[in-house]
C-alpha atoms as a PDB file:
ATOM      1  CA  MET A   1      -0.007   0.006  -0.002  1.00  0.00           C
ATOM      2  CA  LYS A   2       1.160   3.526  -0.780  1.00  0.00           C
ATOM      3  CA  ILE A   3      -0.153   6.546   1.151  1.00  0.00           C
ATOM      4  CA  SER A   4       0.546  10.309   1.042  1.00  0.00           C
ATOM      5  CA  ILE A   5       0.943  12.264   4.185  1.00  0.00           C
ATOM      6  CA  GLY A   6       1.124  15.956   4.963  1.00  0.00           C
ATOM      7  CA  SER A   7       0.910  18.248   7.967  1.00  0.00           C
ATOM      8  CA  ASP A   8       1.125  21.835   9.021  1.00  0.00           C
ATOM      9  CA  HIS A   9       3.619  22.887  11.815  1.00  0.00           C
ATOM     10  CA  ARG A  10       1.229  21.780  14.598  1.00  0.00           C
ATOM     11  CA  GLY A  11       0.877  18.363  13.097  1.00  0.00           C
ATOM     12  CA  TYR A  12       4.518  17.818  12.319  1.00  0.00           C
ATOM     13  CA  THR A  13       5.435  15.704  15.454  1.00  0.00           C
ATOM     14  CA  LEU A  14       2.438  13.359  14.937  1.00  0.00           C
ATOM     15  CA  LYS A  15       3.273  13.114  11.293  1.00  0.00           C
ATOM     16  CA  GLU A  16       6.724  11.990  11.943  1.00  0.00           C
ATOM     17  CA  LYS A  17       5.578   9.411  14.480  1.00  0.00           C
ATOM     18  CA  LEU A  18       2.901   8.055  12.004  1.00  0.00           C
ATOM     19  CA  LYS A  19       5.608   7.734   9.380  1.00  0.00           C
ATOM     20  CA  GLU A  20       7.502   5.487  11.722  1.00  0.00           C
ATOM     21  CA  TYR A  21       4.482   3.483  12.419  1.00  0.00           C
ATOM     22  CA  PHE A  22       3.735   3.063   8.743  1.00  0.00           C
ATOM     23  CA  SER A  23       7.245   1.957   8.115  1.00  0.00           C
ATOM     24  CA  SER A  24       6.843  -0.859  10.595  1.00  0.00           C
ATOM     25  CA  LYS A  25       3.887  -2.049   8.665  1.00  0.00           C
ATOM     26  CA  ASP A  26       5.621  -1.832   5.252  1.00  0.00           C
ATOM     27  CA  ILE A  27       3.418   0.896   4.113  1.00  0.00           C
ATOM     28  CA  ILE A  28       5.066   3.161   1.485  1.00  0.00           C
ATOM     29  CA  VAL A  29       4.759   6.831   2.362  1.00  0.00           C
ATOM     30  CA  ARG A  30       4.962   9.850   0.203  1.00  0.00           C
ATOM     31  CA  ASP A  31       5.730  12.751   2.472  1.00  0.00           C
ATOM     32  CA  PHE A  32       4.548  16.180   1.290  1.00  0.00           C
ATOM     33  CA  GLY A  33       5.814  18.015   4.314  1.00  0.00           C
ATOM     34  CA  THR A  34       6.090  20.060   6.412  1.00  0.00           C
ATOM     35  CA  ASP A  35       9.544  19.358   7.547  1.00  0.00           C
ATOM     36  CA  SER A  36       9.681  21.255  10.786  1.00  0.00           C
ATOM     37  CA  GLU A  37       7.638  23.039  13.416  1.00  0.00           C
ATOM     38  CA  ALA A  38       8.109  26.410  11.643  1.00  0.00           C
ATOM     39  CA  SER A  39       4.806  27.990  10.898  1.00  0.00           C
ATOM     40  CA  VAL A  40       3.257  27.063   7.512  1.00  0.00           C
ATOM     41  CA  ASP A  41      -0.107  27.197   5.753  1.00  0.00           C
ATOM     42  CA  TYR A  42      -2.061  23.867   5.932  1.00  0.00           C
ATOM     43  CA  PRO A  43      -3.967  24.347   2.654  1.00  0.00           C
ATOM     44  CA  ASP A  44      -0.733  23.813   0.744  1.00  0.00           C
ATOM     45  CA  TYR A  45      -0.210  20.378   2.142  1.00  0.00           C
ATOM     46  CA  ALA A  46      -3.835  19.424   1.908  1.00  0.00           C
ATOM     47  CA  LYS A  47      -3.710  20.277  -1.764  1.00  0.00           C
ATOM     48  CA  SER A  48      -0.580  18.152  -2.421  1.00  0.00           C
ATOM     49  CA  VAL A  49      -1.972  15.089  -0.531  1.00  0.00           C
ATOM     50  CA  GLY A  50      -5.240  15.454  -2.299  1.00  0.00           C
ATOM     51  CA  THR A  51      -3.708  15.639  -5.689  1.00  0.00           C
ATOM     52  CA  SER A  52      -1.595  12.506  -5.037  1.00  0.00           C
ATOM     53  CA  VAL A  53      -4.807  10.592  -4.027  1.00  0.00           C
ATOM     54  CA  ARG A  54      -7.000  11.916  -6.819  1.00  0.00           C
ATOM     55  CA  GLU A  55      -4.404  11.179  -9.505  1.00  0.00           C
ATOM     56  CA  GLY A  56      -3.947   7.679  -8.073  1.00  0.00           C
ATOM     57  CA  GLU A  57      -0.427   8.036  -7.157  1.00  0.00           C
ATOM     58  CA  THR A  58      -1.438   6.864  -3.606  1.00  0.00           C
ATOM     59  CA  GLN A  59      -4.398   4.973  -2.379  1.00  0.00           C
ATOM     60  CA  TYR A  60      -5.123   7.061   0.686  1.00  0.00           C
ATOM     61  CA  GLY A  61      -4.078  10.313   2.202  1.00  0.00           C
ATOM     62  CA  VAL A  62      -3.299  11.320   5.846  1.00  0.00           C
ATOM     63  CA  LEU A  63      -3.504  14.966   6.927  1.00  0.00           C
ATOM     64  CA  ILE A  64      -2.671  16.465  10.320  1.00  0.00           C
ATOM     65  CA  CYS A  65      -3.086  19.981  11.746  1.00  0.00           C
ATOM     66  CA  GLY A  66      -3.875  21.134  15.333  1.00  0.00           C
ATOM     67  CA  SER A  67      -7.485  20.374  15.146  1.00  0.00           C
ATOM     68  CA  GLY A  68      -7.817  18.325  11.996  1.00  0.00           C
ATOM     69  CA  ILE A  69     -10.480  20.683  10.866  1.00  0.00           C
ATOM     70  CA  GLY A  70      -8.449  23.029   8.675  1.00  0.00           C
ATOM     71  CA  VAL A  71      -6.837  20.207   6.595  1.00  0.00           C
ATOM     72  CA  SER A  72     -10.171  18.419   6.269  1.00  0.00           C
ATOM     73  CA  ILE A  73     -11.869  21.618   4.928  1.00  0.00           C
ATOM     74  CA  ALA A  74      -8.972  22.252   2.493  1.00  0.00           C
ATOM     75  CA  ALA A  75      -8.785  18.688   1.222  1.00  0.00           C
ATOM     76  CA  ASN A  76     -12.518  18.483   0.560  1.00  0.00           C
ATOM     77  CA  LYS A  77     -12.285  21.537  -1.783  1.00  0.00           C
ATOM     78  CA  GLN A  78     -10.833  19.189  -4.373  1.00  0.00           C
ATOM     79  CA  THR A  79     -12.678  16.939  -6.706  1.00  0.00           C
ATOM     80  CA  ALA A  80     -12.856  13.260  -5.851  1.00  0.00           C
ATOM     81  CA  ILE A  81     -11.544  13.858  -2.322  1.00  0.00           C
ATOM     82  CA  ARG A  82     -13.601  12.778   0.516  1.00  0.00           C
ATOM     83  CA  ALA A  83     -11.598  13.761   3.636  1.00  0.00           C
ATOM     84  CA  VAL A  84     -12.750  13.153   7.278  1.00  0.00           C
ATOM     85  CA  ASN A  85     -11.494  14.413  10.576  1.00  0.00           C
ATOM     86  CA  VAL A  86     -11.428  11.352  12.771  1.00  0.00           C
ATOM     87  CA  ASN A  87     -11.205  11.116  16.558  1.00  0.00           C
ATOM     88  CA  THR A  88     -13.062   7.902  17.225  1.00  0.00           C
ATOM     89  CA  ALA A  89     -12.949   4.334  16.020  1.00  0.00           C
ATOM     90  CA  ALA A  90     -16.586   4.493  14.880  1.00  0.00           C
ATOM     91  CA  LEU A  91     -15.943   7.553  12.757  1.00  0.00           C
ATOM     92  CA  ALA A  92     -12.979   5.910  11.039  1.00  0.00           C
ATOM     93  CA  GLU A  93     -15.176   2.862  10.158  1.00  0.00           C
ATOM     94  CA  MET A  94     -18.252   4.834   9.017  1.00  0.00           C
ATOM     95  CA  ALA A  95     -15.982   7.201   6.855  1.00  0.00           C
ATOM     96  CA  ARG A  96     -15.002   4.278   4.740  1.00  0.00           C
ATOM     97  CA  LYS A  97     -18.189   2.141   4.985  1.00  0.00           C
ATOM     98  CA  HIS A  98     -20.678   4.721   3.975  1.00  0.00           C
ATOM     99  CA  ASN A  99     -18.752   7.588   2.420  1.00  0.00           C
ATOM    100  CA  ASN A 100     -15.789   5.745   0.797  1.00  0.00           C
ATOM    101  CA  ALA A 101     -13.547   8.399   2.250  1.00  0.00           C
ATOM    102  CA  ASN A 102     -10.036   8.536   0.774  1.00  0.00           C
ATOM    103  CA  VAL A 103      -8.250  10.958   3.112  1.00  0.00           C
ATOM    104  CA  ILE A 104      -8.141  10.647   6.961  1.00  0.00           C
ATOM    105  CA  CYS A 105      -7.451  13.795   9.054  1.00  0.00           C
ATOM    106  CA  PHE A 106      -6.213  14.030  12.631  1.00  0.00           C
ATOM    107  CA  GLY A 107      -6.065  16.897  15.095  1.00  0.00           C
ATOM    108  CA  SER A 108      -2.707  16.579  16.886  1.00  0.00           C
ATOM    109  CA  ASP A 109      -4.040  18.685  19.843  1.00  0.00           C
ATOM    110  CA  PHE A 110      -6.665  15.988  20.476  1.00  0.00           C
ATOM    111  CA  ILE A 111      -5.239  12.568  19.803  1.00  0.00           C
ATOM    112  CA  GLY A 112      -1.837  10.893  20.149  1.00  0.00           C
ATOM    113  CA  ILE A 113       0.079   8.354  18.070  1.00  0.00           C
ATOM    114  CA  GLU A 114      -1.709   5.374  19.592  1.00  0.00           C
ATOM    115  CA  GLU A 115      -5.136   6.588  18.687  1.00  0.00           C
ATOM    116  CA  ALA A 116      -4.134   7.833  15.270  1.00  0.00           C
ATOM    117  CA  ALA A 117      -2.474   4.515  14.420  1.00  0.00           C
ATOM    118  CA  LYS A 118      -5.540   2.593  15.607  1.00  0.00           C
ATOM    119  CA  TYR A 119      -8.000   4.825  13.606  1.00  0.00           C
ATOM    120  CA  PHE A 120      -5.782   4.666  10.520  1.00  0.00           C
ATOM    121  CA  ASP A 121      -5.833   0.783  10.728  1.00  0.00           C
ATOM    122  CA  ILE A 122      -9.662   0.767  11.080  1.00  0.00           C
ATOM    123  CA  PHE A 123      -9.911   3.236   8.169  1.00  0.00           C
ATOM    124  CA  ILE A 124      -7.867   1.178   5.701  1.00  0.00           C
ATOM    125  CA  SER A 125      -9.238  -2.125   6.650  1.00  0.00           C
ATOM    126  CA  THR A 126     -12.820  -1.127   6.242  1.00  0.00           C
ATOM    127  CA  GLU A 127     -14.415  -1.783   2.913  1.00  0.00           C
ATOM    128  CA  PHE A 128     -16.828   0.588   1.253  1.00  0.00           C
ATOM    129  CA  GLU A 129     -20.319  -0.845   1.405  1.00  0.00           C
ATOM    130  CA  GLY A 130     -21.286   0.458  -1.954  1.00  0.00           C
ATOM    131  CA  GLY A 131     -24.726  -0.205  -3.177  1.00  0.00           C
ATOM    132  CA  GLU A 132     -27.161   2.089  -4.927  1.00  0.00           C
ATOM    133  CA  ARG A 133     -27.839   4.371  -1.877  1.00  0.00           C
ATOM    134  CA  HIS A 134     -24.168   5.108  -0.966  1.00  0.00           C
ATOM    135  CA  ASN A 135     -23.018   5.338  -4.532  1.00  0.00           C
ATOM    136  CA  ARG A 136     -25.850   7.727  -5.412  1.00  0.00           C
ATOM    137  CA  ARG A 137     -24.774  10.019  -2.512  1.00  0.00           C
ATOM    138  CA  ILE A 138     -21.181  10.012  -3.464  1.00  0.00           C
ATOM    139  CA  SER A 139     -22.107  10.869  -6.975  1.00  0.00           C
ATOM    140  CA  LYS A 140     -24.030  13.828  -5.764  1.00  0.00           C
ATOM    141  CA  LEU A 141     -20.996  15.043  -3.805  1.00  0.00           C
ATOM    142  CA  GLU A 142     -18.906  14.984  -7.023  1.00  0.00           C
ATOM    143  CA  ASN A 143     -21.449  17.124  -8.762  1.00  0.00           C
ATOM    144  CA  LEU A 144     -21.951  19.759  -6.178  1.00  0.00           C
ATOM    145  CA  ASN A 145     -19.838  22.313  -7.976  1.00  0.00           C
ATOM    146  CA  LYS A 146     -21.193  21.796 -11.422  1.00  0.00           C
END
């Protein structure tokens, strides 16, 4: 599996810890930055990760900022990206099962590495339910800006 990851300065430490976790699970990671705790703008990283997922370079994206909210909003501005801010196991599961989410977002001020790793594992191991109802809704999401 290949994933893309990005964070702003507040998410940098959690991003680095997640990269170590992914390495231990033989997950290939494309890191779009940031590379330090120096202040940066989260939309830049959300755009890069979203583009990587949308273009099929990576299967999933992981984005981190202080709250998880900013990166989620920014990622969802892109066509074909369904980003979710996750802070419970149930949200990680439902994001994939019903929404076929492809980017998981974390707020580093609210969860640590153990929780983020657990929620990521649930996220990638949960299959999209599909079916007419969920596919219809996802199709509508893709057409909101037309």
